Amino acid sequence: MDFFEKMGEKIAVAGTEVSKKAKEVSAVVSLKNKIRTEESKIQTLYQTIGEKYFKEHQDYEGDVYAEEIASILAAQAGIVTLKEQIDEIQGTKTCAACGESIEKDASFCPKCGAKIS
């Protein structure tokens, strides 16, 4: 009987240790998820700041980020051209107010209600 009692104690101790480790792992995973959430918030705020800066400084030629701003403006122009090509293929046009793709003969945008010229 002594053998089975010792075996039972060892199993109980091992179970306690496994349970403790599982709780530690769970706590670490939870904290890492919270860190990722905060990092995501920071990335979103960086993007918001960048967009605001871009909008406020896109017309300043001597800006420290003039090269990057020029690249963004070129990319935006390229997107407009690509969207026009898509509209041509699909027989649609793009609402100037909201960017929605609409029927070519539409007088008003069904999404935002803007009058289409």
PDB file of N, CA and C in Angstrom:
ATOM      1  N   MET A   1       0.816  -1.199   0.000  1.00  0.00           N
ATOM      2  CA  MET A   1       0.000   0.000   0.000  1.00  0.00           C
ATOM      3  C   MET A   1       0.859   1.261   0.000  1.00  0.00           C
ATOM      4  N   ASP A   2       1.984   1.195   0.603  1.00  0.00           N
ATOM      5  CA  ASP A   2       2.873   2.341   0.678  1.00  0.00           C
ATOM      6  C   ASP A   2       3.246   2.837  -0.731  1.00  0.00           C
ATOM      7  N   PHE A   3       3.468   1.927  -1.651  1.00  0.00           N
ATOM      8  CA  PHE A   3       3.813   2.277  -3.035  1.00  0.00           C
ATOM      9  C   PHE A   3       2.696   3.089  -3.691  1.00  0.00           C
ATOM     10  N   PHE A   4       1.463   2.651  -3.518  1.00  0.00           N
ATOM     11  CA  PHE A   4       0.330   3.345  -4.139  1.00  0.00           C
ATOM     12  C   PHE A   4       0.082   4.712  -3.509  1.00  0.00           C
ATOM     13  N   GLU A   5       0.335   4.836  -2.211  1.00  0.00           N
ATOM     14  CA  GLU A   5       0.175   6.129  -1.549  1.00  0.00           C
ATOM     15  C   GLU A   5       1.205   7.131  -2.073  1.00  0.00           C
ATOM     16  N   LYS A   6       2.459   6.676  -2.203  1.00  0.00           N
ATOM     17  CA  LYS A   6       3.515   7.555  -2.739  1.00  0.00           C
ATOM     18  C   LYS A   6       3.223   7.938  -4.182  1.00  0.00           C
ATOM     19  N   MET A   7       2.753   6.963  -4.951  1.00  0.00           N
ATOM     20  CA  MET A   7       2.392   7.221  -6.339  1.00  0.00           C
ATOM     21  C   MET A   7       1.265   8.249  -6.405  1.00  0.00           C
ATOM     22  N   GLY A   8       0.284   8.126  -5.555  1.00  0.00           N
ATOM     23  CA  GLY A   8      -0.832   9.071  -5.496  1.00  0.00           C
ATOM     24  C   GLY A   8      -0.361  10.468  -5.141  1.00  0.00           C
ATOM     25  N   GLU A   9       0.567  10.566  -4.167  1.00  0.00           N
ATOM     26  CA  GLU A   9       1.108  11.867  -3.779  1.00  0.00           C
ATOM     27  C   GLU A   9       1.872  12.512  -4.931  1.00  0.00           C
ATOM     28  N   LYS A  10       2.677  11.700  -5.618  1.00  0.00           N
ATOM     29  CA  LYS A  10       3.436  12.216  -6.751  1.00  0.00           C
ATOM     30  C   LYS A  10       2.508  12.712  -7.854  1.00  0.00           C
ATOM     31  N   ILE A  11       1.456  11.968  -8.102  1.00  0.00           N
ATOM     32  CA  ILE A  11       0.475  12.378  -9.119  1.00  0.00           C
ATOM     33  C   ILE A  11      -0.205  13.677  -8.692  1.00  0.00           C
ATOM     34  N   ALA A  12      -0.547  13.807  -7.426  1.00  0.00           N
ATOM     35  CA  ALA A  12      -1.191  15.020  -6.927  1.00  0.00           C
ATOM     36  C   ALA A  12      -0.265  16.222  -7.057  1.00  0.00           C
ATOM     37  N   VAL A  13       1.007  16.040  -6.688  1.00  0.00           N
ATOM     38  CA  VAL A  13       1.984  17.131  -6.800  1.00  0.00           C
ATOM     39  C   VAL A  13       2.173  17.511  -8.260  1.00  0.00           C
ATOM     40  N   ALA A  14       2.300  16.513  -9.124  1.00  0.00           N
ATOM     41  CA  ALA A  14       2.469  16.788 -10.561  1.00  0.00           C
ATOM     42  C   ALA A  14       1.250  17.521 -11.100  1.00  0.00           C
ATOM     43  N   GLY A  15       0.066  17.105 -10.682  1.00  0.00           N
ATOM     44  CA  GLY A  15      -1.163  17.767 -11.129  1.00  0.00           C
ATOM     45  C   GLY A  15      -1.214  19.213 -10.685  1.00  0.00           C
ATOM     46  N   THR A  16      -0.778  19.476  -9.464  1.00  0.00           N
ATOM     47  CA  THR A  16      -0.739  20.845  -8.946  1.00  0.00           C
ATOM     48  C   THR A  16       0.241  21.693  -9.747  1.00  0.00           C
ATOM     49  N   GLU A  17       1.405  21.120 -10.048  1.00  0.00           N
ATOM     50  CA  GLU A  17       2.408  21.848 -10.826  1.00  0.00           C
ATOM     51  C   GLU A  17       1.914  22.134 -12.242  1.00  0.00           C
ATOM     52  N   VAL A  18       1.261  21.144 -12.856  1.00  0.00           N
ATOM     53  CA  VAL A  18       0.713  21.338 -14.198  1.00  0.00           C
ATOM     54  C   VAL A  18      -0.351  22.427 -14.173  1.00  0.00           C
ATOM     55  N   SER A  19      -1.196  22.394 -13.155  1.00  0.00           N
ATOM     56  CA  SER A  19      -2.244  23.403 -13.031  1.00  0.00           C
ATOM     57  C   SER A  19      -1.642  24.797 -12.864  1.00  0.00           C
ATOM     58  N   LYS A  20      -0.593  24.890 -12.054  1.00  0.00           N
ATOM     59  CA  LYS A  20       0.082  26.171 -11.836  1.00  0.00           C
ATOM     60  C   LYS A  20       0.694  26.682 -13.141  1.00  0.00           C
ATOM     61  N   LYS A  21       1.372  25.798 -13.878  1.00  0.00           N
ATOM     62  CA  LYS A  21       1.973  26.179 -15.158  1.00  0.00           C
ATOM     63  C   LYS A  21       0.902  26.624 -16.150  1.00  0.00           C
ATOM     64  N   ALA A  22      -0.208  25.906 -16.178  1.00  0.00           N
ATOM     65  CA  ALA A  22      -1.292  26.260 -17.101  1.00  0.00           C
ATOM     66  C   ALA A  22      -1.828  27.659 -16.783  1.00  0.00           C
ATOM     67  N   LYS A  23      -1.965  27.969 -15.498  1.00  0.00           N
ATOM     68  CA  LYS A  23      -2.432  29.299 -15.105  1.00  0.00           C
ATOM     69  C   LYS A  23      -1.420  30.368 -15.512  1.00  0.00           C
ATOM     70  N   GLU A  24      -0.131  30.067 -15.340  1.00  0.00           N
ATOM     71  CA  GLU A  24       0.911  31.014 -15.731  1.00  0.00           C
ATOM     72  C   GLU A  24       0.874  31.272 -17.232  1.00  0.00           C
ATOM     73  N   VAL A  25       0.763  30.180 -18.002  1.00  0.00           N
ATOM     74  CA  VAL A  25       0.709  30.313 -19.468  1.00  0.00           C
ATOM     75  C   VAL A  25      -0.512  31.124 -19.863  1.00  0.00           C
ATOM     76  N   SER A  26      -1.639  30.841 -19.243  1.00  0.00           N
ATOM     77  CA  SER A  26      -2.869  31.572 -19.551  1.00  0.00           C
ATOM     78  C   SER A  26      -2.724  33.060 -19.234  1.00  0.00           C
ATOM     79  N   ALA A  27      -2.105  33.360 -18.090  1.00  0.00           N
ATOM     80  CA  ALA A  27      -1.906  34.763 -17.708  1.00  0.00           C
ATOM     81  C   ALA A  27      -0.988  35.471 -18.694  1.00  0.00           C
ATOM     82  N   VAL A  28       0.080  34.797 -19.116  1.00  0.00           N
ATOM     83  CA  VAL A  28       1.016  35.395 -20.073  1.00  0.00           C
ATOM     84  C   VAL A  28       0.329  35.635 -21.416  1.00  0.00           C
ATOM     85  N   VAL A  29      -0.449  34.662 -21.872  1.00  0.00           N
ATOM     86  CA  VAL A  29      -1.165  34.813 -23.136  1.00  0.00           C
ATOM     87  C   VAL A  29      -2.133  35.987 -23.056  1.00  0.00           C
ATOM     88  N   SER A  30      -2.838  36.093 -21.950  1.00  0.00           N
ATOM     89  CA  SER A  30      -3.774  37.208 -21.767  1.00  0.00           C
ATOM     90  C   SER A  30      -3.048  38.549 -21.801  1.00  0.00           C
ATOM     91  N   LEU A  31      -1.921  38.628 -21.116  1.00  0.00           N
ATOM     92  CA  LEU A  31      -1.154  39.878 -21.106  1.00  0.00           C
ATOM     93  C   LEU A  31      -0.592  40.202 -22.488  1.00  0.00           C
ATOM     94  N   LYS A  32      -0.128  39.195 -23.212  1.00  0.00           N
ATOM     95  CA  LYS A  32       0.390  39.426 -24.564  1.00  0.00           C
ATOM     96  C   LYS A  32      -0.722  39.910 -25.486  1.00  0.00           C
ATOM     97  N   ASN A  33      -1.929  39.384 -25.322  1.00  0.00           N
ATOM     98  CA  ASN A  33      -3.067  39.861 -26.116  1.00  0.00           C
ATOM     99  C   ASN A  33      -3.369  41.328 -25.808  1.00  0.00           C
ATOM    100  N   LYS A  34      -3.273  41.696 -24.544  1.00  0.00           N
ATOM    101  CA  LYS A  34      -3.492  43.094 -24.162  1.00  0.00           C
ATOM    102  C   LYS A  34      -2.407  43.992 -24.762  1.00  0.00           C
ATOM    103  N   ILE A  35      -1.171  43.495 -24.779  1.00  0.00           N
ATOM    104  CA  ILE A  35      -0.075  44.258 -25.393  1.00  0.00           C
ATOM    105  C   ILE A  35      -0.363  44.460 -26.873  1.00  0.00           C
ATOM    106  N   ARG A  36      -0.777  43.401 -27.580  1.00  0.00           N
ATOM    107  CA  ARG A  36      -1.095  43.517 -29.014  1.00  0.00           C
ATOM    108  C   ARG A  36      -2.225  44.516 -29.248  1.00  0.00           C
ATOM    109  N   THR A  37      -3.221  44.515 -28.367  1.00  0.00           N
ATOM    110  CA  THR A  37      -4.323  45.475 -28.489  1.00  0.00           C
ATOM    111  C   THR A  37      -3.814  46.905 -28.353  1.00  0.00           C
ATOM    112  N   GLU A  38      -2.958  47.150 -27.378  1.00  0.00           N
ATOM    113  CA  GLU A  38      -2.394  48.488 -27.184  1.00  0.00           C
ATOM    114  C   GLU A  38      -1.499  48.882 -28.355  1.00  0.00           C
ATOM    115  N   GLU A  39      -0.696  47.941 -28.858  1.00  0.00           N
ATOM    116  CA  GLU A  39       0.157  48.229 -30.019  1.00  0.00           C
ATOM    117  C   GLU A  39      -0.688  48.561 -31.241  1.00  0.00           C
ATOM    118  N   SER A  40      -1.809  47.871 -31.385  1.00  0.00           N
ATOM    119  CA  SER A  40      -2.709  48.153 -32.499  1.00  0.00           C
ATOM    120  C   SER A  40      -3.294  49.563 -32.377  1.00  0.00           C
ATOM    121  N   LYS A  41      -3.660  49.955 -31.159  1.00  0.00           N
ATOM    122  CA  LYS A  41      -4.164  51.315 -30.936  1.00  0.00           C
ATOM    123  C   LYS A  41      -3.107  52.344 -31.329  1.00  0.00           C
ATOM    124  N   ILE A  42      -1.862  52.076 -30.928  1.00  0.00           N
ATOM    125  CA  ILE A  42      -0.768  52.993 -31.249  1.00  0.00           C
ATOM    126  C   ILE A  42      -0.588  53.100 -32.758  1.00  0.00           C
ATOM    127  N   GLN A  43      -0.607  51.975 -33.467  1.00  0.00           N
ATOM    128  CA  GLN A  43      -0.461  51.986 -34.929  1.00  0.00           C
ATOM    129  C   GLN A  43      -1.581  52.797 -35.577  1.00  0.00           C
ATOM    130  N   THR A  44      -2.802  52.628 -35.082  1.00  0.00           N
ATOM    131  CA  THR A  44      -3.936  53.386 -35.616  1.00  0.00           C
ATOM    132  C   THR A  44      -3.743  54.879 -35.373  1.00  0.00           C
ATOM    133  N   LEU A  45      -3.258  55.235 -34.194  1.00  0.00           N
ATOM    134  CA  LEU A  45      -3.015  56.648 -33.892  1.00  0.00           C
ATOM    135  C   LEU A  45      -1.885  57.212 -34.740  1.00  0.00           C
ATOM    136  N   TYR A  46      -0.818  56.429 -34.941  1.00  0.00           N
ATOM    137  CA  TYR A  46       0.257  56.868 -35.840  1.00  0.00           C
ATOM    138  C   TYR A  46      -0.299  57.140 -37.240  1.00  0.00           C
ATOM    139  N   GLN A  47      -1.146  56.247 -37.707  1.00  0.00           N
ATOM    140  CA  GLN A  47      -1.725  56.419 -39.042  1.00  0.00           C
ATOM    141  C   GLN A  47      -2.585  57.683 -39.087  1.00  0.00           C
ATOM    142  N   THR A  48      -3.376  57.893 -38.053  1.00  0.00           N
ATOM    143  CA  THR A  48      -4.227  59.082 -37.994  1.00  0.00           C
ATOM    144  C   THR A  48      -3.381  60.356 -38.005  1.00  0.00           C
ATOM    145  N   ILE A  49      -2.320  60.355 -37.203  1.00  0.00           N
ATOM    146  CA  ILE A  49      -1.427  61.520 -37.166  1.00  0.00           C
ATOM    147  C   ILE A  49      -0.800  61.737 -38.538  1.00  0.00           C
ATOM    148  N   GLY A  50      -0.345  60.660 -39.159  1.00  0.00           N
ATOM    149  CA  GLY A  50       0.272  60.762 -40.476  1.00  0.00           C
ATOM    150  C   GLY A  50      -0.680  61.316 -41.518  1.00  0.00           C
ATOM    151  N   GLU A  51      -1.917  60.834 -41.505  1.00  0.00           N
ATOM    152  CA  GLU A  51      -2.911  61.325 -42.466  1.00  0.00           C
ATOM    153  C   GLU A  51      -3.197  62.806 -42.240  1.00  0.00           C
ATOM    154  N   LYS A  52      -3.323  63.206 -40.966  1.00  0.00           N
ATOM    155  CA  LYS A  52      -3.562  64.622 -40.663  1.00  0.00           C
ATOM    156  C   LYS A  52      -2.386  65.480 -41.122  1.00  0.00           C
ATOM    157  N   TYR A  53      -1.168  65.017 -40.840  1.00  0.00           N
ATOM    158  CA  TYR A  53       0.013  65.756 -41.251  1.00  0.00           C
ATOM    159  C   TYR A  53       0.052  65.884 -42.768  1.00  0.00           C
ATOM    160  N   PHE A  54      -0.209  64.785 -43.454  1.00  0.00           N
ATOM    161  CA  PHE A  54      -0.207  64.791 -44.913  1.00  0.00           C
ATOM    162  C   PHE A  54      -1.198  65.818 -45.450  1.00  0.00           C
ATOM    163  N   LYS A  55      -2.425  65.790 -44.946  1.00  0.00           N
ATOM    164  CA  LYS A  55      -3.457  66.708 -45.425  1.00  0.00           C
ATOM    165  C   LYS A  55      -3.082  68.162 -45.161  1.00  0.00           C
ATOM    166  N   GLU A  56      -2.443  68.416 -44.029  1.00  0.00           N
ATOM    167  CA  GLU A  56      -2.071  69.789 -43.678  1.00  0.00           C
ATOM    168  C   GLU A  56      -0.827  70.281 -44.420  1.00  0.00           C
ATOM    169  N   HIS A  57       0.038  69.362 -44.877  1.00  0.00           N
ATOM    170  CA  HIS A  57       1.325  69.761 -45.444  1.00  0.00           C
ATOM    171  C   HIS A  57       1.537  69.350 -46.900  1.00  0.00           C
ATOM    172  N   GLN A  58       0.521  68.839 -47.552  1.00  0.00           N
ATOM    173  CA  GLN A  58       0.725  68.346 -48.917  1.00  0.00           C
ATOM    174  C   GLN A  58       1.049  69.455 -49.913  1.00  0.00           C
ATOM    175  N   ASP A  59       0.767  70.685 -49.564  1.00  0.00           N
ATOM    176  CA  ASP A  59       1.049  71.798 -50.478  1.00  0.00           C
ATOM    177  C   ASP A  59       2.356  72.533 -50.139  1.00  0.00           C
ATOM    178  N   TYR A  60       3.067  72.099 -49.113  1.00  0.00           N
ATOM    179  CA  TYR A  60       4.311  72.740 -48.712  1.00  0.00           C
ATOM    180  C   TYR A  60       5.477  72.076 -49.428  1.00  0.00           C
ATOM    181  N   GLU A  61       6.076  72.787 -50.363  1.00  0.00           N
ATOM    182  CA  GLU A  61       7.170  72.214 -51.149  1.00  0.00           C
ATOM    183  C   GLU A  61       8.420  71.982 -50.320  1.00  0.00           C
ATOM    184  N   GLY A  62       8.702  72.802 -49.344  1.00  0.00           N
ATOM    185  CA  GLY A  62       9.907  72.671 -48.554  1.00  0.00           C
ATOM    186  C   GLY A  62       9.761  71.774 -47.338  1.00  0.00           C
ATOM    187  N   ASP A  63       8.657  71.068 -47.251  1.00  0.00           N
ATOM    188  CA  ASP A  63       8.404  70.208 -46.097  1.00  0.00           C
ATOM    189  C   ASP A  63       9.456  69.114 -45.990  1.00  0.00           C
ATOM    190  N   VAL A  64       9.772  68.739 -44.764  1.00  0.00           N
ATOM    191  CA  VAL A  64      10.777  67.708 -44.519  1.00  0.00           C
ATOM    192  C   VAL A  64      10.362  66.361 -45.129  1.00  0.00           C
ATOM    193  N   TYR A  65       9.083  66.160 -45.317  1.00  0.00           N
ATOM    194  CA  TYR A  65       8.569  64.913 -45.903  1.00  0.00           C
ATOM    195  C   TYR A  65       8.066  65.122 -47.330  1.00  0.00           C
ATOM    196  N   ALA A  66       8.593  66.114 -48.017  1.00  0.00           N
ATOM    197  CA  ALA A  66       8.130  66.461 -49.363  1.00  0.00           C
ATOM    198  C   ALA A  66       8.219  65.271 -50.322  1.00  0.00           C
ATOM    199  N   GLU A  67       9.286  64.495 -50.225  1.00  0.00           N
ATOM    200  CA  GLU A  67       9.452  63.347 -51.123  1.00  0.00           C
ATOM    201  C   GLU A  67       8.369  62.292 -50.873  1.00  0.00           C
ATOM    202  N   GLU A  68       8.111  62.011 -49.611  1.00  0.00           N
ATOM    203  CA  GLU A  68       7.074  61.040 -49.271  1.00  0.00           C
ATOM    204  C   GLU A  68       5.697  61.545 -49.676  1.00  0.00           C
ATOM    205  N   ILE A  69       5.459  62.845 -49.455  1.00  0.00           N
ATOM    206  CA  ILE A  69       4.175  63.427 -49.835  1.00  0.00           C
ATOM    207  C   ILE A  69       3.982  63.331 -51.348  1.00  0.00           C
ATOM    208  N   ALA A  70       5.024  63.618 -52.105  1.00  0.00           N
ATOM    209  CA  ALA A  70       4.947  63.509 -53.563  1.00  0.00           C
ATOM    210  C   ALA A  70       4.649  62.064 -53.978  1.00  0.00           C
ATOM    211  N   SER A  71       5.237  61.111 -53.297  1.00  0.00           N
ATOM    212  CA  SER A  71       4.986  59.699 -53.607  1.00  0.00           C
ATOM    213  C   SER A  71       3.539  59.320 -53.313  1.00  0.00           C
ATOM    214  N   ILE A  72       3.007  59.828 -52.219  1.00  0.00           N
ATOM    215  CA  ILE A  72       1.603  59.555 -51.883  1.00  0.00           C
ATOM    216  C   ILE A  72       0.687  60.163 -52.936  1.00  0.00           C
ATOM    217  N   LEU A  73       0.957  61.409 -53.322  1.00  0.00           N
ATOM    218  CA  LEU A  73       0.126  62.063 -54.343  1.00  0.00           C
ATOM    219  C   LEU A  73       0.182  61.309 -55.665  1.00  0.00           C
ATOM    220  N   ALA A  74       1.366  60.811 -56.035  1.00  0.00           N
ATOM    221  CA  ALA A  74       1.500  60.038 -57.271  1.00  0.00           C
ATOM    222  C   ALA A  74       0.724  58.723 -57.166  1.00  0.00           C
ATOM    223  N   ALA A  75       0.792  58.074 -56.013  1.00  0.00           N
ATOM    224  CA  ALA A  75       0.055  56.829 -55.820  1.00  0.00           C
ATOM    225  C   ALA A  75      -1.455  57.072 -55.869  1.00  0.00           C
ATOM    226  N   GLN A  76      -1.899  58.178 -55.278  1.00  0.00           N
ATOM    227  CA  GLN A  76      -3.328  58.511 -55.320  1.00  0.00           C
ATOM    228  C   GLN A  76      -3.788  58.757 -56.756  1.00  0.00           C
ATOM    229  N   ALA A  77      -2.966  59.447 -57.536  1.00  0.00           N
ATOM    230  CA  ALA A  77      -3.311  59.690 -58.939  1.00  0.00           C
ATOM    231  C   ALA A  77      -3.365  58.371 -59.698  1.00  0.00           C
ATOM    232  N   GLY A  78      -2.444  57.472 -59.401  1.00  0.00           N
ATOM    233  CA  GLY A  78      -2.454  56.161 -60.034  1.00  0.00           C
ATOM    234  C   GLY A  78      -3.701  55.370 -59.689  1.00  0.00           C
ATOM    235  N   ILE A  79      -4.155  55.470 -58.457  1.00  0.00           N
ATOM    236  CA  ILE A  79      -5.380  54.783 -58.033  1.00  0.00           C
ATOM    237  C   ILE A  79      -6.578  55.328 -58.798  1.00  0.00           C
ATOM    238  N   VAL A  80      -6.637  56.635 -58.970  1.00  0.00           N
ATOM    239  CA  VAL A  80      -7.739  57.244 -59.740  1.00  0.00           C
ATOM    240  C   VAL A  80      -7.753  56.686 -61.158  1.00  0.00           C
ATOM    241  N   THR A  81      -6.581  56.616 -61.781  1.00  0.00           N
ATOM    242  CA  THR A  81      -6.485  56.082 -63.140  1.00  0.00           C
ATOM    243  C   THR A  81      -6.935  54.622 -63.198  1.00  0.00           C
ATOM    244  N   LEU A  82      -6.505  53.830 -62.238  1.00  0.00           N
ATOM    245  CA  LEU A  82      -6.892  52.418 -62.205  1.00  0.00           C
ATOM    246  C   LEU A  82      -8.393  52.256 -61.993  1.00  0.00           C
ATOM    247  N   LYS A  83      -8.975  53.084 -61.133  1.00  0.00           N
ATOM    248  CA  LYS A  83     -10.425  53.036 -60.908  1.00  0.00           C
ATOM    249  C   LYS A  83     -11.185  53.425 -62.169  1.00  0.00           C
ATOM    250  N   GLU A  84     -10.652  54.408 -62.904  1.00  0.00           N
ATOM    251  CA  GLU A  84     -11.282  54.795 -64.173  1.00  0.00           C
ATOM    252  C   GLU A  84     -11.248  53.643 -65.166  1.00  0.00           C
ATOM    253  N   GLN A  85     -10.140  52.902 -65.188  1.00  0.00           N
ATOM    254  CA  GLN A  85     -10.044  51.742 -66.079  1.00  0.00           C
ATOM    255  C   GLN A  85     -11.052  50.667 -65.681  1.00  0.00           C
ATOM    256  N   ILE A  86     -11.223  50.447 -64.381  1.00  0.00           N
ATOM    257  CA  ILE A  86     -12.217  49.481 -63.903  1.00  0.00           C
ATOM    258  C   ILE A  86     -13.616  49.926 -64.312  1.00  0.00           C
ATOM    259  N   ASP A  87     -13.907  51.226 -64.113  1.00  0.00           N
ATOM    260  CA  ASP A  87     -15.216  51.762 -64.507  1.00  0.00           C
ATOM    261  C   ASP A  87     -15.471  51.549 -66.002  1.00  0.00           C
ATOM    262  N   GLU A  88     -14.455  51.782 -66.807  1.00  0.00           N
ATOM    263  CA  GLU A  88     -14.582  51.609 -68.262  1.00  0.00           C
ATOM    264  C   GLU A  88     -14.918  50.157 -68.594  1.00  0.00           C
ATOM    265  N   ILE A  89     -14.225  49.230 -67.970  1.00  0.00           N
ATOM    266  CA  ILE A  89     -14.461  47.800 -68.230  1.00  0.00           C
ATOM    267  C   ILE A  89     -15.854  47.391 -67.770  1.00  0.00           C
ATOM    268  N   GLN A  90     -16.276  47.882 -66.614  1.00  0.00           N
ATOM    269  CA  GLN A  90     -17.564  47.482 -66.047  1.00  0.00           C
ATOM    270  C   GLN A  90     -18.733  48.325 -66.537  1.00  0.00           C
ATOM    271  N   GLY A  91     -18.458  49.377 -67.268  1.00  0.00           N
ATOM    272  CA  GLY A  91     -19.536  50.250 -67.735  1.00  0.00           C
ATOM    273  C   GLY A  91     -20.157  51.051 -66.605  1.00  0.00           C
ATOM    274  N   THR A  92     -19.328  51.462 -65.643  1.00  0.00           N
ATOM    275  CA  THR A  92     -19.803  52.247 -64.507  1.00  0.00           C
ATOM    276  C   THR A  92     -18.993  53.540 -64.421  1.00  0.00           C
ATOM    277  N   LYS A  93     -19.286  54.343 -63.393  1.00  0.00           N
ATOM    278  CA  LYS A  93     -18.490  55.522 -63.087  1.00  0.00           C
ATOM    279  C   LYS A  93     -18.399  55.644 -61.575  1.00  0.00           C
ATOM    280  N   THR A  94     -17.524  56.504 -61.114  1.00  0.00           N
ATOM    281  CA  THR A  94     -17.284  56.651 -59.682  1.00  0.00           C
ATOM    282  C   THR A  94     -17.882  57.952 -59.182  1.00  0.00           C
ATOM    283  N   CYS A  95     -18.606  57.858 -58.080  1.00  0.00           N
ATOM    284  CA  CYS A  95     -19.172  59.057 -57.448  1.00  0.00           C
ATOM    285  C   CYS A  95     -18.023  59.901 -56.908  1.00  0.00           C
ATOM    286  N   ALA A  96     -18.004  61.181 -57.278  1.00  0.00           N
ATOM    287  CA  ALA A  96     -16.935  62.079 -56.833  1.00  0.00           C
ATOM    288  C   ALA A  96     -17.044  62.378 -55.339  1.00  0.00           C
ATOM    289  N   ALA A  97     -18.236  62.246 -54.786  1.00  0.00           N
ATOM    290  CA  ALA A  97     -18.433  62.585 -53.375  1.00  0.00           C
ATOM    291  C   ALA A  97     -17.989  61.470 -52.430  1.00  0.00           C
ATOM    292  N   CYS A  98     -18.345  60.215 -52.758  1.00  0.00           N
ATOM    293  CA  CYS A  98     -18.051  59.130 -51.812  1.00  0.00           C
ATOM    294  C   CYS A  98     -17.167  58.032 -52.382  1.00  0.00           C
ATOM    295  N   GLY A  99     -16.920  58.049 -53.695  1.00  0.00           N
ATOM    296  CA  GLY A  99     -16.052  57.050 -54.300  1.00  0.00           C
ATOM    297  C   GLY A  99     -16.738  55.748 -54.672  1.00  0.00           C
ATOM    298  N   GLU A 100     -18.029  55.674 -54.486  1.00  0.00           N
ATOM    299  CA  GLU A 100     -18.788  54.460 -54.809  1.00  0.00           C
ATOM    300  C   GLU A 100     -18.872  54.274 -56.324  1.00  0.00           C
ATOM    301  N   SER A 101     -18.798  53.045 -56.759  1.00  0.00           N
ATOM    302  CA  SER A 101     -18.971  52.727 -58.169  1.00  0.00           C
ATOM    303  C   SER A 101     -20.474  52.678 -58.453  1.00  0.00           C
ATOM    304  N   ILE A 102     -20.907  53.460 -59.448  1.00  0.00           N
ATOM    305  CA  ILE A 102     -22.346  53.552 -59.740  1.00  0.00           C
ATOM    306  C   ILE A 102     -22.592  53.343 -61.230  1.00  0.00           C
ATOM    307  N   GLU A 103     -23.843  53.145 -61.587  1.00  0.00           N
ATOM    308  CA  GLU A 103     -24.221  52.966 -62.993  1.00  0.00           C
ATOM    309  C   GLU A 103     -23.845  54.214 -63.785  1.00  0.00           C
ATOM    310  N   LYS A 104     -23.440  54.004 -65.024  1.00  0.00           N
ATOM    311  CA  LYS A 104     -22.947  55.096 -65.867  1.00  0.00           C
ATOM    312  C   LYS A 104     -24.013  56.176 -66.120  1.00  0.00           C
ATOM    313  N   ASP A 105     -25.286  55.778 -66.182  1.00  0.00           N
ATOM    314  CA  ASP A 105     -26.353  56.737 -66.482  1.00  0.00           C
ATOM    315  C   ASP A 105     -27.050  57.268 -65.227  1.00  0.00           C
ATOM    316  N   ALA A 106     -26.513  56.993 -64.034  1.00  0.00           N
ATOM    317  CA  ALA A 106     -27.128  57.448 -62.786  1.00  0.00           C
ATOM    318  C   ALA A 106     -27.029  58.958 -62.660  1.00  0.00           C
ATOM    319  N   SER A 107     -28.099  59.581 -62.150  1.00  0.00           N
ATOM    320  CA  SER A 107     -28.112  61.018 -61.907  1.00  0.00           C
ATOM    321  C   SER A 107     -27.729  61.349 -60.469  1.00  0.00           C
ATOM    322  N   PHE A 108     -27.983  60.385 -59.573  1.00  0.00           N
ATOM    323  CA  PHE A 108     -27.664  60.549 -58.167  1.00  0.00           C
ATOM    324  C   PHE A 108     -26.983  59.277 -57.660  1.00  0.00           C
ATOM    325  N   CYS A 109     -26.103  59.440 -56.722  1.00  0.00           N
ATOM    326  CA  CYS A 109     -25.401  58.285 -56.130  1.00  0.00           C
ATOM    327  C   CYS A 109     -26.359  57.566 -55.185  1.00  0.00           C
ATOM    328  N   PRO A 110     -26.547  56.256 -55.359  1.00  0.00           N
ATOM    329  CA  PRO A 110     -27.433  55.528 -54.468  1.00  0.00           C
ATOM    330  C   PRO A 110     -26.868  55.372 -53.055  1.00  0.00           C
ATOM    331  N   LYS A 111     -25.584  55.575 -52.873  1.00  0.00           N
ATOM    332  CA  LYS A 111     -24.974  55.412 -51.556  1.00  0.00           C
ATOM    333  C   LYS A 111     -25.063  56.706 -50.738  1.00  0.00           C
ATOM    334  N   CYS A 112     -24.611  57.822 -51.329  1.00  0.00           N
ATOM    335  CA  CYS A 112     -24.549  59.075 -50.561  1.00  0.00           C
ATOM    336  C   CYS A 112     -25.601  60.105 -50.995  1.00  0.00           C
ATOM    337  N   GLY A 113     -26.231  59.879 -52.158  1.00  0.00           N
ATOM    338  CA  GLY A 113     -27.260  60.803 -52.624  1.00  0.00           C
ATOM    339  C   GLY A 113     -26.745  62.002 -53.378  1.00  0.00           C
ATOM    340  N   ALA A 114     -25.452  62.083 -53.594  1.00  0.00           N
ATOM    341  CA  ALA A 114     -24.873  63.230 -54.307  1.00  0.00           C
ATOM    342  C   ALA A 114     -25.354  63.268 -55.748  1.00  0.00           C
ATOM    343  N   LYS A 115     -25.543  64.480 -56.265  1.00  0.00           N
ATOM    344  CA  LYS A 115     -25.923  64.640 -57.662  1.00  0.00           C
ATOM    345  C   LYS A 115     -24.700  64.381 -58.521  1.00  0.00           C
ATOM    346  N   ILE A 116     -24.873  63.594 -59.552  1.00  0.00           N
ATOM    347  CA  ILE A 116     -23.782  63.230 -60.439  1.00  0.00           C
ATOM    348  C   ILE A 116     -23.836  64.143 -61.669  1.00  0.00           C
ATOM    349  N   SER A 117     -22.714  64.796 -61.947  1.00  0.00           N
ATOM    350  CA  SER A 117     -22.693  65.719 -63.086  1.00  0.00           C
ATOM    351  C   SER A 117     -22.449  64.970 -64.370  1.00  0.00           C
TER     352      SER A 117
END
